Amino acid sequence: MMSLFPVEKRGGVFAVYGVIAGLAVIAGPTVGGFLVTHFGWRSIFTVNLPIGVLTLALALLLIPDLRPGRRHRLDLLGVALATAGLLGVIYGLIEGQRYDWGVVTGVITIPEIIAAGAVLLALFLYYQARRQSTEPLLPFAVFKDRNFTLMTFVMAAMGFAILGIYLPLTIYMQSVLGLSAIDAGVTLAIQPVAMFLSSGFAGALAQKINGKYLLIPGLLALAAGTGYIDWAAHAGAGRWDFTAGLVLSGLGMGCIWTPVFSIGTRDLPAHLGGVASGVINTIQELGGVLASAVVGAFLQNRLALALHDRAVEASGQLPTQYRPQFVDGFSNAAHSGFEVGAGQTGASLDLPAQVHAIAEYVFTHAFVDAMHPTLVLPMAVLVAAAVASVWVRGPREAVSALQEQEAAVA
């Protein structure tokens, strides 16, 4: 898009991008819930195959050939180092909980896999530093632009926040409120509908004012909306009790996606556009991966404690002979991992029928107890991103800084 559109038109272009992304987010939870309910969880992956093929075909047909006419050499060693390093770090963070952050196989452990990935990424950066005078895979020049560097942090924060919000919220809606996958998707669709509406407004303003005056309120609105959801969540809540928080957070998201890309790429030369896009997308994905590890581990830890406390509290209602089994069952339940659905309420435990109501009470209230502090994590990250965005340069500041650099070189 940087090659196709001049700077003054990119705000509107990114607004269209934000609107389409909003439509995709609206369709995603609902269509995903329908597919999972009727065709199994594998269908949410296979459905992407025809969509990907169609997208590739349309790209080949419609996107103009903008090659500058000079030959490029692919940095194969750089690709190998970056791929292997990211694989190690991402695999370790995602699968860490599954293996209890210990042995995967033989003598190989999760910390060793993450450490190996980090070492390979360090080698990648060293190798790229040696190639800056030729044609590196990652030109460090992109990070000389303050706005781009700040926007990579904002995108990492957004990747962290989105997964950090949706992970506990999805489990809560299905396992605590008892909603089906489709009903949960329809309920959450309020947020992207609000984002769809605010994206057009943000796009119209993006080129008229400094983008940070949209970005900062958007980040804070997303954090505030999440705070409302966290406040409204309890075991007996209704599915529409979160509407105000979903609307507020959705309006905030619409004021984030449009300016974040515009700010990040506005002052970069066109030949760095591809690298900048790749870096931003990768950083956002890494933020999501980090959230899956940090938020997942924190939620599981808090749930283990809450289940034990709630089980001890409720066990007084049971005959003495059932109390140890009841408490032990819930004390160990959280360590088996998360399963979305009604089965997490304790109905699958080998207990008399009259105990099931108490078991459901324990799980639903314990999960809410665990979710409240967990949602504070993405809110804190969003506030940090808003604070960092204060240092975003406006268009005139960026031009003046560039002129000062050119004068210094001269």
Protein backbone atom coordinates (compact mmCIF):
# COMPACT_ATOMS: atom_id res chain seq x y z
CA MET A 1 0.00 0.00 0.00
CA MET A 2 2.94 2.32 0.57
CA SER A 3 3.99 1.82 -3.04
CA LEU A 4 0.49 2.21 -4.46
CA PHE A 5 -0.69 5.27 -2.51
CA PRO A 6 0.98 8.61 -1.66
CA VAL A 7 1.29 9.73 1.95
CA GLU A 8 -1.70 12.09 1.83
CA LYS A 9 -4.07 9.28 0.77
CA ARG A 10 -2.89 6.57 3.13
CA GLY A 11 -5.20 7.60 5.96
CA GLY A 12 -8.27 6.88 3.85
CA VAL A 13 -6.75 3.67 2.57
CA PHE A 14 -6.01 2.41 6.05
CA ALA A 15 -9.55 3.41 7.06
CA VAL A 16 -10.92 1.10 4.36
CA TYR A 17 -8.53 -1.56 5.61
CA GLY A 18 -9.86 -1.05 9.14
CA VAL A 19 -13.50 -1.30 8.00
CA ILE A 20 -12.84 -4.54 6.12
CA ALA A 21 -10.91 -5.89 9.09
CA GLY A 22 -13.91 -4.99 11.25
CA LEU A 23 -16.22 -6.96 8.98
CA ALA A 24 -13.85 -9.91 9.19
CA VAL A 25 -13.78 -9.74 12.97
CA ILE A 26 -17.60 -9.58 13.03
CA ALA A 27 -17.85 -12.68 10.87
CA GLY A 28 -15.00 -14.55 12.57
CA PRO A 29 -16.47 -15.45 15.99
CA THR A 30 -19.93 -16.17 14.57
CA VAL A 31 -18.84 -18.20 11.55
CA GLY A 32 -16.15 -19.88 13.65
CA GLY A 33 -18.72 -20.83 16.26
CA PHE A 34 -21.00 -22.26 13.57
CA LEU A 35 -18.17 -24.30 12.05
CA VAL A 36 -16.98 -25.64 15.41
CA THR A 37 -20.52 -26.54 16.47
CA HIS A 38 -21.49 -28.36 13.25
CA PHE A 39 -18.22 -29.50 11.65
CA GLY A 40 -15.64 -29.72 14.46
CA TRP A 41 -12.70 -27.52 15.38
CA ARG A 42 -10.58 -28.66 12.40
CA SER A 43 -12.99 -26.94 10.02
CA ILE A 44 -11.87 -23.47 11.17
CA PHE A 45 -8.47 -24.25 9.64
CA THR A 46 -9.54 -26.06 6.46
CA VAL A 47 -11.98 -23.27 5.54
CA ASN A 48 -8.97 -20.99 5.05
CA LEU A 49 -7.66 -23.08 2.13
CA PRO A 50 -10.20 -21.99 -0.52
CA ILE A 51 -10.15 -18.44 0.85
CA GLY A 52 -6.35 -18.35 0.55
CA VAL A 53 -6.38 -19.73 -2.98
CA LEU A 54 -9.01 -17.17 -4.06
CA THR A 55 -7.07 -14.32 -2.44
CA LEU A 56 -3.85 -15.36 -4.16
CA ALA A 57 -5.59 -15.57 -7.54
CA LEU A 58 -7.18 -12.12 -7.14
CA ALA A 59 -3.84 -10.64 -6.02
CA LEU A 60 -2.12 -11.95 -9.14
CA LEU A 61 -4.89 -10.58 -11.33
CA LEU A 62 -5.53 -7.18 -9.75
CA ILE A 63 -2.40 -5.91 -7.96
CA PRO A 64 -0.11 -4.06 -10.39
CA ASP A 65 3.51 -5.09 -10.88
CA LEU A 66 5.53 -2.43 -9.06
CA ARG A 67 8.96 -4.02 -9.20
CA PRO A 68 11.61 -1.26 -9.46
CA GLY A 69 13.57 -3.12 -12.13
CA ARG A 70 16.57 -4.10 -10.01
CA ARG A 71 17.54 -7.63 -9.06
CA HIS A 72 17.36 -8.80 -5.45
CA ARG A 73 19.10 -11.64 -3.66
CA LEU A 74 17.22 -13.55 -1.01
CA ASP A 75 19.12 -13.75 2.26
CA LEU A 76 18.68 -17.51 2.72
CA LEU A 77 20.85 -17.77 5.84
CA GLY A 78 18.98 -14.86 7.42
CA VAL A 79 15.65 -16.51 6.63
CA ALA A 80 16.86 -19.79 8.13
CA LEU A 81 18.12 -18.17 11.34
CA ALA A 82 15.01 -16.04 11.81
CA THR A 83 12.66 -18.95 11.09
CA ALA A 84 14.44 -21.38 13.41
CA GLY A 85 14.76 -18.77 16.17
CA LEU A 86 11.11 -17.76 16.03
CA LEU A 87 10.07 -21.42 15.89
CA GLY A 88 11.99 -22.19 19.08
CA VAL A 89 10.68 -19.19 21.03
CA ILE A 90 7.07 -19.48 19.82
CA TYR A 91 6.89 -23.26 20.27
CA GLY A 92 8.32 -22.98 23.78
CA LEU A 93 5.92 -20.24 24.84
CA ILE A 94 2.83 -21.90 23.37
CA GLU A 95 3.58 -25.45 24.51
CA GLY A 96 5.15 -24.54 27.85
CA GLN A 97 1.97 -25.06 29.87
CA ARG A 98 1.31 -28.40 28.16
CA TYR A 99 4.63 -29.78 29.43
CA ASP A 100 4.47 -27.90 32.74
CA TRP A 101 7.53 -25.92 31.59
CA GLY A 102 9.62 -29.09 31.95
CA VAL A 103 10.76 -32.04 29.82
CA VAL A 104 9.37 -32.40 26.29
CA THR A 105 11.22 -35.54 25.32
CA GLY A 106 14.39 -37.20 26.55
CA VAL A 107 16.63 -34.50 27.95
CA ILE A 108 15.06 -31.65 25.94
CA THR A 109 13.11 -29.17 28.07
CA ILE A 110 10.92 -26.17 27.29
CA PRO A 111 13.41 -23.64 28.78
CA GLU A 112 16.16 -25.13 26.59
CA ILE A 113 14.00 -24.81 23.46
CA ILE A 114 13.22 -21.17 24.26
CA ALA A 115 16.88 -20.46 25.05
CA ALA A 116 17.98 -22.08 21.78
CA GLY A 117 15.48 -19.95 19.88
CA ALA A 118 16.73 -16.80 21.63
CA VAL A 119 20.34 -17.67 20.74
CA LEU A 120 19.41 -18.18 17.09
CA LEU A 121 17.60 -14.83 17.03
CA ALA A 122 20.67 -13.17 18.55
CA LEU A 123 22.80 -14.77 15.81
CA PHE A 124 20.29 -13.52 13.25
CA LEU A 125 20.64 -9.94 14.53
CA TYR A 126 24.44 -10.20 14.55
CA TYR A 127 24.44 -11.58 11.02
CA GLN A 128 22.07 -8.82 9.86
CA ALA A 129 24.30 -6.17 11.45
CA ARG A 130 27.18 -7.46 9.33
CA ARG A 131 25.04 -7.24 6.16
CA GLN A 132 23.65 -3.72 6.53
CA SER A 133 25.92 -2.40 3.76
CA THR A 134 24.63 -4.98 1.26
CA GLU A 135 21.03 -6.25 1.12
CA PRO A 136 19.98 -7.53 4.55
CA LEU A 137 16.74 -9.33 5.28
CA LEU A 138 16.11 -6.79 8.08
CA PRO A 139 17.42 -3.28 7.34
CA PHE A 140 17.99 -1.60 10.68
CA ALA A 141 17.18 1.73 9.02
CA VAL A 142 13.48 1.18 9.69
CA PHE A 143 14.09 1.51 13.43
CA LYS A 144 15.73 4.91 13.03
CA ASP A 145 12.26 6.31 12.53
CA ARG A 146 10.87 7.00 16.01
CA ASN A 147 7.24 6.64 14.94
CA PHE A 148 7.82 3.25 13.35
CA THR A 149 9.60 1.94 16.43
CA LEU A 150 6.84 3.19 18.71
CA MET A 151 4.17 1.63 16.49
CA THR A 152 5.89 -1.75 16.63
CA PHE A 153 5.48 -1.56 20.42
CA VAL A 154 1.83 -0.56 20.03
CA MET A 155 1.22 -3.49 17.67
CA ALA A 156 2.90 -5.88 20.11
CA ALA A 157 0.65 -4.47 22.84
CA MET A 158 -2.42 -4.96 20.64
CA GLY A 159 -1.43 -8.54 19.86
CA PHE A 160 -1.00 -9.17 23.58
CA ALA A 161 -4.22 -7.40 24.53
CA ILE A 162 -6.52 -9.02 21.97
CA LEU A 163 -5.52 -12.55 22.89
CA GLY A 164 -5.24 -11.60 26.56
CA ILE A 165 -8.84 -10.39 26.54
CA TYR A 166 -10.44 -13.03 24.33
CA LEU A 167 -8.80 -16.08 25.93
CA PRO A 168 -10.42 -15.75 29.38
CA LEU A 169 -13.56 -14.10 27.99
CA THR A 170 -14.28 -16.95 25.56
CA ILE A 171 -13.84 -19.59 28.27
CA TYR A 172 -16.01 -17.54 30.62
CA MET A 173 -18.88 -17.16 28.17
CA GLN A 174 -19.01 -20.83 27.26
CA SER A 175 -17.94 -22.58 30.47
CA VAL A 176 -19.43 -20.21 33.06
CA LEU A 177 -22.42 -18.65 31.28
CA GLY A 178 -23.08 -21.85 29.32
CA LEU A 179 -23.35 -20.18 25.91
CA SER A 180 -22.79 -22.17 22.75
CA ALA A 181 -19.90 -21.24 20.45
CA ILE A 182 -22.35 -19.50 18.10
CA ASP A 183 -24.07 -17.55 20.89
CA ALA A 184 -20.73 -16.47 22.32
CA GLY A 185 -19.62 -15.29 18.87
CA VAL A 186 -22.82 -13.30 18.34
CA THR A 187 -22.45 -11.68 21.77
CA LEU A 188 -18.85 -10.65 21.13
CA ALA A 189 -19.77 -9.36 17.65
CA ILE A 190 -20.95 -6.15 19.32
CA GLN A 191 -17.31 -5.11 19.65
CA PRO A 192 -16.30 -5.34 15.97
CA VAL A 193 -19.60 -3.68 14.93
CA ALA A 194 -18.60 -0.67 17.04
CA MET A 195 -15.09 -0.86 15.56
CA PHE A 196 -16.59 -0.87 12.07
CA LEU A 197 -18.46 2.35 12.84
CA SER A 198 -15.53 4.21 14.40
CA SER A 199 -13.03 3.20 11.70
CA GLY A 200 -14.66 5.50 9.17
CA PHE A 201 -14.58 8.41 11.61
CA ALA A 202 -10.94 7.73 12.46
CA GLY A 203 -9.99 7.51 8.78
CA ALA A 204 -11.52 10.90 8.06
CA LEU A 205 -9.49 12.50 10.87
CA ALA A 206 -6.25 10.57 10.42
CA GLN A 207 -4.80 12.96 7.82
CA LYS A 208 -6.11 16.13 9.46
CA ILE A 209 -4.62 15.77 12.93
CA ASN A 210 -1.65 14.08 14.52
CA GLY A 211 -2.58 10.41 14.60
CA LYS A 212 -1.59 10.06 18.24
CA TYR A 213 -4.66 12.12 19.21
CA LEU A 214 -6.76 9.24 17.88
CA LEU A 215 -4.42 6.45 18.95
CA ILE A 216 -4.06 7.39 22.62
CA PRO A 217 -7.82 7.76 23.29
CA GLY A 218 -8.39 4.55 21.33
CA LEU A 219 -5.96 2.57 23.47
CA LEU A 220 -7.40 4.00 26.68
CA ALA A 221 -10.96 3.31 25.49
CA LEU A 222 -10.05 -0.31 24.76
CA ALA A 223 -8.53 -0.59 28.25
CA ALA A 224 -11.56 1.09 29.86
CA GLY A 225 -14.01 -1.12 27.96
CA THR A 226 -12.10 -4.18 29.11
CA GLY A 227 -12.24 -2.84 32.64
CA TYR A 228 -16.01 -2.56 32.40
CA ILE A 229 -16.25 -6.15 31.14
CA ASP A 230 -14.05 -7.28 34.03
CA TRP A 231 -16.26 -5.39 36.49
CA ALA A 232 -19.51 -6.75 35.02
CA ALA A 233 -18.37 -10.38 34.92
CA HIS A 234 -19.80 -12.64 37.62
CA ALA A 235 -21.13 -16.17 37.72
CA GLY A 236 -24.74 -15.16 37.24
CA ALA A 237 -24.25 -12.44 34.61
CA GLY A 238 -26.38 -12.25 31.46
CA ARG A 239 -24.84 -12.34 28.00
CA TRP A 240 -25.83 -8.72 27.29
CA ASP A 241 -24.47 -7.31 30.55
CA PHE A 242 -21.18 -6.58 28.74
CA THR A 243 -22.68 -4.49 25.93
CA ALA A 244 -21.41 -1.13 27.20
CA GLY A 245 -17.87 -2.46 27.62
CA LEU A 246 -17.88 -4.16 24.22
CA VAL A 247 -19.14 -1.00 22.52
CA LEU A 248 -16.56 1.21 24.25
CA SER A 249 -13.68 -1.15 23.52
CA GLY A 250 -14.85 -1.57 19.90
CA LEU A 251 -14.98 2.19 19.37
CA GLY A 252 -11.47 2.36 20.77
CA MET A 253 -10.19 -0.35 18.43
CA GLY A 254 -11.52 1.58 15.44
CA CYS A 255 -9.41 4.55 16.53
CA ILE A 256 -6.32 2.34 16.82
CA TRP A 257 -6.00 0.33 13.62
CA THR A 258 -6.27 3.28 11.21
CA PRO A 259 -3.68 5.64 12.73
CA VAL A 260 -1.25 2.95 13.88
CA PHE A 261 -0.36 1.94 10.32
CA SER A 262 -0.46 5.49 9.04
CA ILE A 263 1.86 6.74 11.79
CA GLY A 264 4.21 3.79 11.50
CA THR A 265 4.76 4.05 7.74
CA ARG A 266 4.20 7.75 7.07
CA ASP A 267 7.83 8.84 7.11
CA LEU A 268 9.48 5.67 5.77
CA PRO A 269 10.82 5.56 2.21
CA ALA A 270 8.81 3.35 -0.13
CA HIS A 271 11.59 0.79 -0.58
CA LEU A 272 11.38 -0.05 3.15
CA GLY A 273 7.61 -0.57 3.04
CA GLY A 274 7.75 -4.35 2.64
CA VAL A 275 10.21 -4.74 5.50
CA ALA A 276 8.18 -2.42 7.72
CA SER A 277 4.99 -4.36 7.06
CA GLY A 278 6.71 -7.66 7.80
CA VAL A 279 8.23 -6.37 11.04
CA ILE A 280 4.93 -4.92 12.29
CA ASN A 281 2.97 -8.10 11.52
CA THR A 282 5.63 -10.31 13.12
CA ILE A 283 5.79 -8.16 16.24
CA GLN A 284 2.00 -8.28 16.57
CA GLU A 285 2.01 -12.08 16.30
CA LEU A 286 4.78 -12.31 18.91
CA GLY A 287 2.66 -10.16 21.22
CA GLY A 288 -0.16 -12.68 20.84
CA VAL A 289 2.18 -15.58 21.48
CA LEU A 290 3.52 -13.90 24.60
CA ALA A 291 -0.04 -13.34 25.79
CA SER A 292 -0.93 -17.00 25.26
CA ALA A 293 1.94 -17.95 27.56
CA VAL A 294 1.73 -15.19 30.17
CA VAL A 295 -2.05 -14.80 30.36
CA GLY A 296 -2.65 -18.54 30.05
CA ALA A 297 -0.17 -19.37 32.81
CA PHE A 298 -1.45 -16.59 35.08
CA LEU A 299 -5.08 -17.59 34.56
CA GLN A 300 -4.31 -21.24 35.20
CA ASN A 301 -2.37 -20.42 38.35
CA ARG A 302 -5.11 -18.16 39.71
CA LEU A 303 -7.76 -20.74 38.80
CA ALA A 304 -5.91 -23.49 40.67
CA LEU A 305 -5.85 -21.35 43.81
CA ALA A 306 -9.46 -20.22 43.42
CA LEU A 307 -10.74 -23.75 42.81
CA HIS A 308 -9.08 -24.99 45.98
CA ASP A 309 -10.41 -22.10 48.06
CA ARG A 310 -13.94 -22.35 46.68
CA ALA A 311 -13.96 -26.17 47.06
CA VAL A 312 -12.88 -25.91 50.70
CA GLU A 313 -15.57 -23.29 51.29
CA ALA A 314 -18.33 -25.35 49.63
CA SER A 315 -17.28 -28.74 51.00
CA GLY A 316 -18.97 -27.94 54.29
CA GLN A 317 -22.29 -28.58 52.56
CA LEU A 318 -21.32 -32.19 51.81
CA PRO A 319 -21.32 -35.31 53.97
CA THR A 320 -17.96 -35.84 55.63
CA GLN A 321 -17.04 -38.87 53.51
CA TYR A 322 -17.26 -36.84 50.25
CA ARG A 323 -15.28 -33.77 51.34
CA PRO A 324 -11.69 -34.98 50.67
CA GLN A 325 -12.60 -36.34 47.20
CA PHE A 326 -14.45 -33.12 46.37
CA VAL A 327 -11.59 -30.81 47.40
CA ASP A 328 -8.88 -32.98 45.81
CA GLY A 329 -10.80 -33.19 42.53
CA PHE A 330 -11.01 -29.44 42.16
CA SER A 331 -7.53 -28.81 43.53
CA ASN A 332 -6.10 -30.84 40.62
CA ALA A 333 -8.61 -29.79 37.95
CA ALA A 334 -6.85 -26.64 36.74
CA HIS A 335 -3.57 -28.48 36.13
CA SER A 336 -5.18 -30.55 33.35
CA GLY A 337 -5.50 -27.48 31.10
CA PHE A 338 -8.48 -25.53 29.82
CA GLU A 339 -11.40 -27.11 28.00
CA VAL A 340 -14.08 -24.76 26.77
CA GLY A 341 -17.63 -25.90 27.48
CA ALA A 342 -19.99 -27.08 30.14
CA GLY A 343 -17.76 -30.02 31.04
CA GLN A 344 -15.51 -27.69 33.00
CA THR A 345 -18.20 -27.07 35.62
CA GLY A 346 -17.42 -30.31 37.39
CA ALA A 347 -20.30 -32.37 36.03
CA SER A 348 -17.84 -34.97 34.76
CA LEU A 349 -16.51 -35.70 38.26
CA ASP A 350 -17.41 -39.09 39.74
CA LEU A 351 -19.74 -37.69 42.39
CA PRO A 352 -23.39 -38.26 43.37
CA ALA A 353 -25.99 -36.30 41.39
CA GLN A 354 -26.82 -34.01 44.30
CA VAL A 355 -23.21 -32.83 44.43
CA HIS A 356 -23.16 -31.57 40.83
CA ALA A 357 -24.90 -28.28 41.67
CA ILE A 358 -22.28 -27.54 44.31
CA ALA A 359 -19.51 -28.53 41.90
CA GLU A 360 -20.87 -26.15 39.27
CA TYR A 361 -21.01 -23.37 41.83
CA VAL A 362 -17.38 -23.96 42.74
CA PHE A 363 -16.11 -23.88 39.17
CA THR A 364 -18.11 -20.90 37.95
CA HIS A 365 -17.26 -18.71 40.93
CA ALA A 366 -13.62 -19.82 40.96
CA PHE A 367 -13.19 -19.00 37.29
CA VAL A 368 -14.65 -15.53 37.80
CA ASP A 369 -12.29 -15.04 40.75
CA ALA A 370 -9.36 -15.99 38.50
CA MET A 371 -10.51 -13.95 35.50
CA HIS A 372 -10.74 -10.63 37.36
CA PRO A 373 -6.98 -10.20 37.98
CA THR A 374 -6.11 -11.85 34.66
CA LEU A 375 -7.87 -9.16 32.61
CA VAL A 376 -5.81 -6.52 34.40
CA LEU A 377 -2.73 -7.72 32.45
CA PRO A 378 -3.93 -6.64 28.96
CA MET A 379 -5.34 -3.43 30.43
CA ALA A 380 -1.92 -2.55 31.89
CA VAL A 381 -0.21 -3.28 28.57
CA LEU A 382 -2.68 -1.05 26.71
CA VAL A 383 -2.11 1.82 29.14
CA ALA A 384 1.66 1.41 28.67
CA ALA A 385 1.19 1.59 24.89
CA ALA A 386 -0.90 4.76 25.30
CA VAL A 387 1.84 6.35 27.39
CA ALA A 388 4.48 5.42 24.81
CA SER A 389 2.37 6.97 22.06
CA VAL A 390 2.74 10.39 23.68
CA TRP A 391 6.18 10.57 22.01
CA VAL A 392 4.81 10.11 18.48
CA ARG A 393 6.02 12.87 16.16
CA GLY A 394 3.54 14.87 14.16
CA PRO A 395 4.08 15.32 10.40
CA ARG A 396 5.81 18.71 10.78
CA GLU A 397 8.05 17.44 13.59
CA ALA A 398 9.10 14.49 11.45
CA VAL A 399 9.94 16.72 8.48
CA SER A 400 11.96 19.10 10.69
CA ALA A 401 13.87 16.18 12.21
CA LEU A 402 14.66 14.82 8.74
CA GLN A 403 15.94 18.25 7.63
CA GLU A 404 18.14 18.46 10.72
CA GLN A 405 19.61 15.02 9.96
CA GLU A 406 20.31 16.00 6.35
CA ALA A 407 21.96 19.24 7.50
CA ALA A 408 24.13 17.35 9.96
CA VAL A 409 25.26 14.95 7.23
CA ALA A 410 26.03 17.85 4.89
